Amino acid sequence: MARDPEQDSMIYDDTTAAAYDRGRWLRAGDIDRWMAAARVYLPDAGGRVLDLGAGTGRFTAALARACGATVVACEPSEAMRAACRAANPGTPVVAGTAQAVPFQDAAFDALWASMVLHHVQDLPAFATSARRVLRAGGHLLVRGGFGPVEELPLYRYFPEAWAVELLPLDRITEVLAAAGIERVDHLKVEQVLAESADEFVERVRTRSLSNLAKLPEDVFQRGLRALERGGVPGRVVEELDLVVFRRQGPALR
């Protein structure tokens, strides 16, 4: 089932953007763990990093702190860009999509893409665009969930939410390799979703995940009731993936 890119944009502008930081915030320690995992693949001071699909900018400042590089945020949603600018004063925040990154060739030493690829409508176009704006030897760092959906905490209660959302990592790797971007590392990073069952339910209730926002109201309410009845075992921790790719060869012409 194909997704409508305009529908995705509408959800983030009109529904999810307002609730995003209430439901998708990360603890400082979790952000530190992500940056520690990413640091070896980020440039030093003087380099340039693109926060691609930056959303409200929760990683934008952290990327700059982690390596001292100049960070630019790129985000298609107007509402998300406004929130990103407010959270990161002085940081360039530009409109653009992953399929058509609006920068000149070889503009960046690294691209950070957090929870982005499941929104990409044209994966080969993304691969070509990423290779074009990365300098030779630069890294694409993809943060997301690529394991079996059964391992995700929400799957038991909202199986419909994952029906078309997740792209297989093998497919992503294949398409990027065809564009001259090879996979070089695959790390697992733990983050705390909630310290208690009540906190987890409140996060889910915000519907800040785009796939929850797109569920019919009756389906979402059914899953929420099941979650409230079934509960979760106290502290909720999930393990996500950081997959690192390296751009090969000269610039595309």
Foldseek 3Di string as FASTA:
>chain_A
DADDLVVLLCCCQPAQLVCQCVQPPFDPVQLVQVLVVCLVQAEAAVFEEEAAQCFLPNCQVVSCVSHVYQYAYEHQHPSRQVNNCVVPPPHHYYYDHLLAPPDAFQQGQEYEYELHPLSDRDLLSNLLNVLRNHAAFGKYKYWFAQDPPVQDPLCVLQVVLVPRRHDHPVVSQVSNVVNQKHWDDKDKGKGWSDQFQVSNLVSVVSLNDSSLSPDPPVSNVRSSVCCVVVTDDGTDMDIIMIIMITGHDHHDD
